[in-house]
Amino acid sequence: MYSASPAASMCAYVETQEELDQIWSTLLEGGGKQSRCGWLTDRFGISWQIIPKALARLLKTDKSGRVLQAMMGMGKMDIAVLEAAA
């Protein structure tokens, strides 16, 4: 009767790329689907955004536009690429 919708989603903040990679792959197991900007839908239809804690710091720099542009081109976020953009 009810179905999952992106109107309600989960968010996970991670410290390291390894943690991000682990959560990302676990949530995609069994039929999940990757989206853009750190978003994915798990096998149950729940929307998640997996966000590195470094992103908040990088978006506060004078290079935030470059960081945001780099993020917009990603599926799973890559902390090293975000830091390089800053």
PDB file of N, CA and C in Angstrom:
ATOM      1  N   MET A   1       0.809  -1.188   0.000  1.00  0.00           N
ATOM      2  CA  MET A   1       0.000   0.000   0.000  1.00  0.00           C
ATOM      3  C   MET A   1       0.859   1.262   0.000  1.00  0.00           C
ATOM      4  N   TYR A   2       1.954   1.243   0.768  1.00  0.00           N
ATOM      5  CA  TYR A   2       2.848   2.400   0.823  1.00  0.00           C
ATOM      6  C   TYR A   2       4.137   2.069   0.095  1.00  0.00           C
ATOM      7  N   SER A   3       4.741   3.070  -0.487  1.00  0.00           N
ATOM      8  CA  SER A   3       6.026   2.861  -1.144  1.00  0.00           C
ATOM      9  C   SER A   3       6.997   3.953  -0.721  1.00  0.00           C
ATOM     10  N   ALA A   4       8.288   3.623  -0.812  1.00  0.00           N
ATOM     11  CA  ALA A   4       9.333   4.582  -0.446  1.00  0.00           C
ATOM     12  C   ALA A   4       9.378   5.710  -1.470  1.00  0.00           C
ATOM     13  N   SER A   5       9.755   6.881  -1.004  1.00  0.00           N
ATOM     14  CA  SER A   5       9.853   8.059  -1.859  1.00  0.00           C
ATOM     15  C   SER A   5      11.080   8.857  -1.455  1.00  0.00           C
ATOM     16  N   PRO A   6      11.736   9.548  -2.393  1.00  0.00           N
ATOM     17  CA  PRO A   6      12.873  10.393  -2.045  1.00  0.00           C
ATOM     18  C   PRO A   6      12.481  11.577  -1.155  1.00  0.00           C
ATOM     19  N   ALA A   7      11.178  11.781  -0.961  1.00  0.00           N
ATOM     20  CA  ALA A   7      10.743  12.866  -0.083  1.00  0.00           C
ATOM     21  C   ALA A   7      11.230  12.648   1.346  1.00  0.00           C
ATOM     22  N   ALA A   8      11.459  11.398   1.704  1.00  0.00           N
ATOM     23  CA  ALA A   8      12.047  11.061   3.007  1.00  0.00           C
ATOM     24  C   ALA A   8      13.309  10.260   2.709  1.00  0.00           C
ATOM     25  N   SER A   9      14.421  10.708   3.228  1.00  0.00           N
ATOM     26  CA  SER A   9      15.675  10.028   2.926  1.00  0.00           C
ATOM     27  C   SER A   9      16.550   9.956   4.165  1.00  0.00           C
ATOM     28  N   MET A  10      17.571   9.147   4.060  1.00  0.00           N
ATOM     29  CA  MET A  10      18.540   8.966   5.130  1.00  0.00           C
ATOM     30  C   MET A  10      19.853   9.615   4.708  1.00  0.00           C
ATOM     31  N   CYS A  11      20.612  10.024   5.701  1.00  0.00           N
ATOM     32  CA  CYS A  11      21.898  10.654   5.444  1.00  0.00           C
ATOM     33  C   CYS A  11      22.927  10.005   6.360  1.00  0.00           C
ATOM     34  N   ALA A  12      24.093   9.702   5.814  1.00  0.00           N
ATOM     35  CA  ALA A  12      25.184   9.152   6.613  1.00  0.00           C
ATOM     36  C   ALA A  12      26.411  10.030   6.408  1.00  0.00           C
ATOM     37  N   TYR A  13      26.959  10.552   7.505  1.00  0.00           N
ATOM     38  CA  TYR A  13      28.184  11.343   7.459  1.00  0.00           C
ATOM     39  C   TYR A  13      29.351  10.429   7.798  1.00  0.00           C
ATOM     40  N   VAL A  14      30.399  10.491   6.988  1.00  0.00           N
ATOM     41  CA  VAL A  14      31.545   9.604   7.165  1.00  0.00           C
ATOM     42  C   VAL A  14      32.835  10.411   7.291  1.00  0.00           C
ATOM     43  N   GLU A  15      33.809   9.816   7.961  1.00  0.00           N
ATOM     44  CA  GLU A  15      35.106  10.458   8.186  1.00  0.00           C
ATOM     45  C   GLU A  15      36.093  10.194   7.046  1.00  0.00           C
ATOM     46  N   THR A  16      36.126   8.967   6.547  1.00  0.00           N
ATOM     47  CA  THR A  16      37.175   8.564   5.609  1.00  0.00           C
ATOM     48  C   THR A  16      36.589   8.022   4.307  1.00  0.00           C
ATOM     49  N   GLN A  17      37.436   7.947   3.299  1.00  0.00           N
ATOM     50  CA  GLN A  17      37.013   7.364   2.026  1.00  0.00           C
ATOM     51  C   GLN A  17      36.704   5.885   2.198  1.00  0.00           C
ATOM     52  N   GLU A  18      37.474   5.207   3.030  1.00  0.00           N
ATOM     53  CA  GLU A  18      37.243   3.786   3.257  1.00  0.00           C
ATOM     54  C   GLU A  18      35.857   3.553   3.856  1.00  0.00           C
ATOM     55  N   GLU A  19      35.486   4.375   4.821  1.00  0.00           N
ATOM     56  CA  GLU A  19      34.165   4.259   5.433  1.00  0.00           C
ATOM     57  C   GLU A  19      33.074   4.553   4.394  1.00  0.00           C
ATOM     58  N   LEU A  20      33.286   5.578   3.592  1.00  0.00           N
ATOM     59  CA  LEU A  20      32.330   5.923   2.540  1.00  0.00           C
ATOM     60  C   LEU A  20      32.173   4.755   1.564  1.00  0.00           C
ATOM     61  N   ASP A  21      33.290   4.200   1.119  1.00  0.00           N
ATOM     62  CA  ASP A  21      33.254   3.088   0.162  1.00  0.00           C
ATOM     63  C   ASP A  21      32.509   1.887   0.735  1.00  0.00           C
ATOM     64  N   GLN A  22      32.752   1.581   1.998  1.00  0.00           N
ATOM     65  CA  GLN A  22      32.110   0.417   2.640  1.00  0.00           C
ATOM     66  C   GLN A  22      30.602   0.604   2.728  1.00  0.00           C
ATOM     67  N   ILE A  23      30.161   1.750   3.220  1.00  0.00           N
ATOM     68  CA  ILE A  23      28.724   2.013   3.347  1.00  0.00           C
ATOM     69  C   ILE A  23      28.071   2.027   1.973  1.00  0.00           C
ATOM     70  N   TRP A  24      28.732   2.677   1.015  1.00  0.00           N
ATOM     71  CA  TRP A  24      28.212   2.781  -0.346  1.00  0.00           C
ATOM     72  C   TRP A  24      27.968   1.396  -0.942  1.00  0.00           C
ATOM     73  N   SER A  25      28.988   0.550  -0.894  1.00  0.00           N
ATOM     74  CA  SER A  25      28.853  -0.777  -1.507  1.00  0.00           C
ATOM     75  C   SER A  25      27.833  -1.633  -0.765  1.00  0.00           C
ATOM     76  N   THR A  26      27.769  -1.521   0.549  1.00  0.00           N
ATOM     77  CA  THR A  26      26.794  -2.288   1.322  1.00  0.00           C
ATOM     78  C   THR A  26      25.369  -1.892   0.960  1.00  0.00           C
ATOM     79  N   LEU A  27      25.122  -0.604   0.833  1.00  0.00           N
ATOM     80  CA  LEU A  27      23.774  -0.147   0.507  1.00  0.00           C
ATOM     81  C   LEU A  27      23.365  -0.487  -0.922  1.00  0.00           C
ATOM     82  N   LEU A  28      24.327  -0.636  -1.826  1.00  0.00           N
ATOM     83  CA  LEU A  28      24.011  -0.994  -3.205  1.00  0.00           C
ATOM     84  C   LEU A  28      23.807  -2.497  -3.408  1.00  0.00           C
ATOM     85  N   GLU A  29      24.247  -3.307  -2.432  1.00  0.00           N
ATOM     86  CA  GLU A  29      24.113  -4.764  -2.560  1.00  0.00           C
ATOM     87  C   GLU A  29      22.653  -5.166  -2.734  1.00  0.00           C
ATOM     88  N   GLY A  30      22.447  -6.151  -3.573  1.00  0.00           N
ATOM     89  CA  GLY A  30      21.112  -6.723  -3.721  1.00  0.00           C
ATOM     90  C   GLY A  30      20.144  -5.899  -4.548  1.00  0.00           C
ATOM     91  N   GLY A  31      20.647  -4.973  -5.348  1.00  0.00           N
ATOM     92  CA  GLY A  31      19.754  -4.256  -6.244  1.00  0.00           C
ATOM     93  C   GLY A  31      19.625  -2.772  -6.023  1.00  0.00           C
ATOM     94  N   GLY A  32      20.503  -2.170  -5.218  1.00  0.00           N
ATOM     95  CA  GLY A  32      20.477  -0.723  -5.050  1.00  0.00           C
ATOM     96  C   GLY A  32      20.898  -0.019  -6.331  1.00  0.00           C
ATOM     97  N   LYS A  33      20.616   1.272  -6.414  1.00  0.00           N
ATOM     98  CA  LYS A  33      20.950   2.045  -7.607  1.00  0.00           C
ATOM     99  C   LYS A  33      21.666   3.336  -7.222  1.00  0.00           C
ATOM    100  N   GLN A  34      22.787   3.575  -7.879  1.00  0.00           N
ATOM    101  CA  GLN A  34      23.576   4.786  -7.677  1.00  0.00           C
ATOM    102  C   GLN A  34      22.925   5.964  -8.381  1.00  0.00           C
ATOM    103  N   SER A  35      23.043   7.128  -7.785  1.00  0.00           N
ATOM    104  CA  SER A  35      22.575   8.354  -8.409  1.00  0.00           C
ATOM    105  C   SER A  35      23.729   9.349  -8.407  1.00  0.00           C
ATOM    106  N   ARG A  36      23.433  10.642  -8.374  1.00  0.00           N
ATOM    107  CA  ARG A  36      24.466  11.684  -8.419  1.00  0.00           C
ATOM    108  C   ARG A  36      24.665  12.319  -7.058  1.00  0.00           C
ATOM    109  N   CYS A  37      25.812  12.984  -6.917  1.00  0.00           N
ATOM    110  CA  CYS A  37      26.116  13.816  -5.743  1.00  0.00           C
ATOM    111  C   CYS A  37      26.034  13.065  -4.425  1.00  0.00           C
ATOM    112  N   GLY A  38      26.479  11.814  -4.433  1.00  0.00           N
ATOM    113  CA  GLY A  38      26.493  11.044  -3.204  1.00  0.00           C
ATOM    114  C   GLY A  38      25.178  10.376  -2.860  1.00  0.00           C
ATOM    115  N   TRP A  39      24.209  10.415  -3.765  1.00  0.00           N
ATOM    116  CA  TRP A  39      22.895   9.812  -3.521  1.00  0.00           C
ATOM    117  C   TRP A  39      22.838   8.404  -4.100  1.00  0.00           C
ATOM    118  N   LEU A  40      22.079   7.554  -3.417  1.00  0.00           N
ATOM    119  CA  LEU A  40      21.781   6.223  -3.924  1.00  0.00           C
ATOM    120  C   LEU A  40      20.441   5.779  -3.346  1.00  0.00           C
ATOM    121  N   THR A  41      19.893   4.750  -3.954  1.00  0.00           N
ATOM    122  CA  THR A  41      18.675   4.127  -3.442  1.00  0.00           C
ATOM    123  C   THR A  41      19.025   2.691  -3.118  1.00  0.00           C
ATOM    124  N   ASP A  42      18.741   2.246  -1.894  1.00  0.00           N
ATOM    125  CA  ASP A  42      19.073   0.876  -1.515  1.00  0.00           C
ATOM    126  C   ASP A  42      18.056  -0.104  -2.108  1.00  0.00           C
ATOM    127  N   ARG A  43      18.267  -1.388  -1.863  1.00  0.00           N
ATOM    128  CA  ARG A  43      17.401  -2.426  -2.446  1.00  0.00           C
ATOM    129  C   ARG A  43      15.961  -2.352  -1.963  1.00  0.00           C
ATOM    130  N   PHE A  44      15.712  -1.624  -0.877  1.00  0.00           N
ATOM    131  CA  PHE A  44      14.354  -1.478  -0.351  1.00  0.00           C
ATOM    132  C   PHE A  44      13.666  -0.220  -0.877  1.00  0.00           C
ATOM    133  N   GLY A  45      14.393   0.571  -1.682  1.00  0.00           N
ATOM    134  CA  GLY A  45      13.827   1.789  -2.232  1.00  0.00           C
ATOM    135  C   GLY A  45      14.023   3.017  -1.368  1.00  0.00           C
ATOM    136  N   ILE A  46      14.864   2.910  -0.335  1.00  0.00           N
ATOM    137  CA  ILE A  46      15.145   4.036   0.559  1.00  0.00           C
ATOM    138  C   ILE A  46      16.277   4.868  -0.043  1.00  0.00           C
ATOM    139  N   SER A  47      16.084   6.176  -0.111  1.00  0.00           N
ATOM    140  CA  SER A  47      17.109   7.085  -0.626  1.00  0.00           C
ATOM    141  C   SER A  47      18.091   7.442   0.484  1.00  0.00           C
ATOM    142  N   TRP A  48      19.370   7.439   0.132  1.00  0.00           N
ATOM    143  CA  TRP A  48      20.461   7.765   1.043  1.00  0.00           C
ATOM    144  C   TRP A  48      21.380   8.771   0.377  1.00  0.00           C
ATOM    145  N   GLN A  49      21.955   9.660   1.189  1.00  0.00           N
ATOM    146  CA  GLN A  49      23.086  10.456   0.726  1.00  0.00           C
ATOM    147  C   GLN A  49      24.241  10.178   1.681  1.00  0.00           C
ATOM    148  N   ILE A  50      25.357   9.758   1.113  1.00  0.00           N
ATOM    149  CA  ILE A  50      26.548   9.446   1.895  1.00  0.00           C
ATOM    150  C   ILE A  50      27.500  10.628   1.726  1.00  0.00           C
ATOM    151  N   ILE A  51      27.744  11.345   2.824  1.00  0.00           N
ATOM    152  CA  ILE A  51      28.450  12.621   2.773  1.00  0.00           C
ATOM    153  C   ILE A  51      29.731  12.569   3.611  1.00  0.00           C
ATOM    154  N   PRO A  52      30.873  12.861   2.995  1.00  0.00           N
ATOM    155  CA  PRO A  52      32.094  12.965   3.797  1.00  0.00           C
ATOM    156  C   PRO A  52      32.041  14.237   4.650  1.00  0.00           C
ATOM    157  N   LYS A  53      32.449  14.122   5.896  1.00  0.00           N
ATOM    158  CA  LYS A  53      32.446  15.285   6.783  1.00  0.00           C
ATOM    159  C   LYS A  53      33.339  16.404   6.244  1.00  0.00           C
ATOM    160  N   ALA A  54      34.334  16.044   5.460  1.00  0.00           N
ATOM    161  CA  ALA A  54      35.228  17.054   4.870  1.00  0.00           C
ATOM    162  C   ALA A  54      34.480  17.995   3.938  1.00  0.00           C
ATOM    163  N   LEU A  55      33.360  17.569   3.385  1.00  0.00           N
ATOM    164  CA  LEU A  55      32.629  18.397   2.427  1.00  0.00           C
ATOM    165  C   LEU A  55      32.196  19.721   3.051  1.00  0.00           C
ATOM    166  N   ALA A  56      31.706  19.694   4.276  1.00  0.00           N
ATOM    167  CA  ALA A  56      31.279  20.935   4.939  1.00  0.00           C
ATOM    168  C   ALA A  56      32.440  21.916   5.057  1.00  0.00           C
ATOM    169  N   ARG A  57      33.609  21.412   5.433  1.00  0.00           N
ATOM    170  CA  ARG A  57      34.801  22.263   5.552  1.00  0.00           C
ATOM    171  C   ARG A  57      35.201  22.826   4.189  1.00  0.00           C
ATOM    172  N   LEU A  58      35.173  21.992   3.173  1.00  0.00           N
ATOM    173  CA  LEU A  58      35.581  22.423   1.835  1.00  0.00           C
ATOM    174  C   LEU A  58      34.616  23.432   1.230  1.00  0.00           C
ATOM    175  N   LEU A  59      33.360  23.342   1.579  1.00  0.00           N
ATOM    176  CA  LEU A  59      32.375  24.294   1.047  1.00  0.00           C
ATOM    177  C   LEU A  59      32.447  25.651   1.737  1.00  0.00           C
ATOM    178  N   LYS A  60      33.245  25.757   2.801  1.00  0.00           N
ATOM    179  CA  LYS A  60      33.424  27.034   3.501  1.00  0.00           C
ATOM    180  C   LYS A  60      34.664  27.789   3.004  1.00  0.00           C
ATOM    181  N   THR A  61      35.364  27.230   2.023  1.00  0.00           N
ATOM    182  CA  THR A  61      36.568  27.878   1.508  1.00  0.00           C
ATOM    183  C   THR A  61      36.212  28.835   0.374  1.00  0.00           C
ATOM    184  N   ASP A  62      37.191  29.605  -0.043  1.00  0.00           N
ATOM    185  CA  ASP A  62      36.966  30.514  -1.167  1.00  0.00           C
ATOM    186  C   ASP A  62      36.882  29.768  -2.497  1.00  0.00           C
ATOM    187  N   LYS A  63      37.141  28.474  -2.486  1.00  0.00           N
ATOM    188  CA  LYS A  63      37.046  27.632  -3.686  1.00  0.00           C
ATOM    189  C   LYS A  63      35.791  26.757  -3.655  1.00  0.00           C
ATOM    190  N   SER A  64      34.802  27.167  -2.888  1.00  0.00           N
ATOM    191  CA  SER A  64      33.599  26.344  -2.722  1.00  0.00           C
ATOM    192  C   SER A  64      32.893  26.067  -4.044  1.00  0.00           C
ATOM    193  N   GLY A  65      32.931  27.011  -4.973  1.00  0.00           N
ATOM    194  CA  GLY A  65      32.308  26.796  -6.276  1.00  0.00           C
ATOM    195  C   GLY A  65      32.949  25.641  -7.031  1.00  0.00           C
ATOM    196  N   ARG A  66      34.265  25.560  -6.938  1.00  0.00           N
ATOM    197  CA  ARG A  66      34.978  24.459  -7.588  1.00  0.00           C
ATOM    198  C   ARG A  66      34.670  23.132  -6.922  1.00  0.00           C
ATOM    199  N   VAL A  67      34.561  23.144  -5.596  1.00  0.00           N
ATOM    200  CA  VAL A  67      34.224  21.931  -4.850  1.00  0.00           C
ATOM    201  C   VAL A  67      32.821  21.465  -5.235  1.00  0.00           C
ATOM    202  N   LEU A  68      31.886  22.389  -5.266  1.00  0.00           N
ATOM    203  CA  LEU A  68      30.512  22.063  -5.619  1.00  0.00           C
ATOM    204  C   LEU A  68      30.434  21.531  -7.047  1.00  0.00           C
ATOM    205  N   GLN A  69      31.169  22.142  -7.958  1.00  0.00           N
ATOM    206  CA  GLN A  69      31.177  21.683  -9.346  1.00  0.00           C
ATOM    207  C   GLN A  69      31.738  20.265  -9.441  1.00  0.00           C
ATOM    208  N   ALA A  70      32.791  19.982  -8.695  1.00  0.00           N
ATOM    209  CA  ALA A  70      33.363  18.631  -8.684  1.00  0.00           C
ATOM    210  C   ALA A  70      32.350  17.631  -8.140  1.00  0.00           C
ATOM    211  N   MET A  71      31.669  17.993  -7.063  1.00  0.00           N
ATOM    212  CA  MET A  71      30.687  17.103  -6.456  1.00  0.00           C
ATOM    213  C   MET A  71      29.547  16.796  -7.427  1.00  0.00           C
ATOM    214  N   MET A  72      29.121  17.797  -8.189  1.00  0.00           N
ATOM    215  CA  MET A  72      27.996  17.620  -9.105  1.00  0.00           C
ATOM    216  C   MET A  72      28.295  16.597 -10.198  1.00  0.00           C
ATOM    217  N   GLY A  73      29.562  16.366 -10.487  1.00  0.00           N
ATOM    218  CA  GLY A  73      29.928  15.390 -11.502  1.00  0.00           C
ATOM    219  C   GLY A  73      30.142  13.984 -10.963  1.00  0.00           C
ATOM    220  N   MET A  74      29.943  13.800  -9.674  1.00  0.00           N
ATOM    221  CA  MET A  74      30.211  12.503  -9.048  1.00  0.00           C
ATOM    222  C   MET A  74      28.939  11.715  -8.814  1.00  0.00           C
ATOM    223  N   GLY A  75      29.096  10.406  -8.761  1.00  0.00           N
ATOM    224  CA  GLY A  75      28.084   9.523  -8.193  1.00  0.00           C
ATOM    225  C   GLY A  75      28.467   9.392  -6.729  1.00  0.00           C
ATOM    226  N   LYS A  76      29.312   8.401  -6.452  1.00  0.00           N
ATOM    227  CA  LYS A  76      29.883   8.272  -5.107  1.00  0.00           C
ATOM    228  C   LYS A  76      30.924   9.368  -4.930  1.00  0.00           C
ATOM    229  N   MET A  77      30.887  10.061  -3.806  1.00  0.00           N
ATOM    230  CA  MET A  77      31.843  11.139  -3.581  1.00  0.00           C
ATOM    231  C   MET A  77      33.237  10.593  -3.349  1.00  0.00           C
ATOM    232  N   ASP A  78      34.209  11.351  -3.831  1.00  0.00           N
ATOM    233  CA  ASP A  78      35.620  11.020  -3.700  1.00  0.00           C
ATOM    234  C   ASP A  78      36.284  12.168  -2.954  1.00  0.00           C
ATOM    235  N   ILE A  79      36.685  11.916  -1.722  1.00  0.00           N
ATOM    236  CA  ILE A  79      37.221  12.969  -0.860  1.00  0.00           C
ATOM    237  C   ILE A  79      38.477  13.589  -1.464  1.00  0.00           C
ATOM    238  N   ALA A  80      39.365  12.783  -2.020  1.00  0.00           N
ATOM    239  CA  ALA A  80      40.602  13.310  -2.598  1.00  0.00           C
ATOM    240  C   ALA A  80      40.308  14.254  -3.766  1.00  0.00           C
ATOM    241  N   VAL A  81      39.334  13.938  -4.582  1.00  0.00           N
ATOM    242  CA  VAL A  81      38.978  14.795  -5.711  1.00  0.00           C
ATOM    243  C   VAL A  81      38.362  16.104  -5.203  1.00  0.00           C
ATOM    244  N   LEU A  82      37.525  16.019  -4.176  1.00  0.00           N
ATOM    245  CA  LEU A  82      36.929  17.223  -3.583  1.00  0.00           C
ATOM    246  C   LEU A  82      38.016  18.117  -2.997  1.00  0.00           C
ATOM    247  N   GLU A  83      38.971  17.526  -2.296  1.00  0.00           N
ATOM    248  CA  GLU A  83      40.052  18.316  -1.722  1.00  0.00           C
ATOM    249  C   GLU A  83      40.928  18.926  -2.805  1.00  0.00           C
ATOM    250  N   ALA A  84      41.167  18.205  -3.876  1.00  0.00           N
ATOM    251  CA  ALA A  84      41.971  18.740  -4.981  1.00  0.00           C
ATOM    252  C   ALA A  84      41.259  19.933  -5.634  1.00  0.00           C
ATOM    253  N   ALA A  85      39.923  19.872  -5.697  1.00  0.00           N
ATOM    254  CA  ALA A  85      39.160  20.965  -6.286  1.00  0.00           C
ATOM    255  C   ALA A  85      39.261  22.229  -5.436  1.00  0.00           C
ATOM    256  N   ALA A  86      39.437  22.049  -4.128  1.00  0.00           N
ATOM    257  CA  ALA A  86      39.569  23.193  -3.227  1.00  0.00           C
ATOM    258  C   ALA A  86      40.958  23.777  -3.309  1.00  0.00           C
TER     259      ALA A  86
END
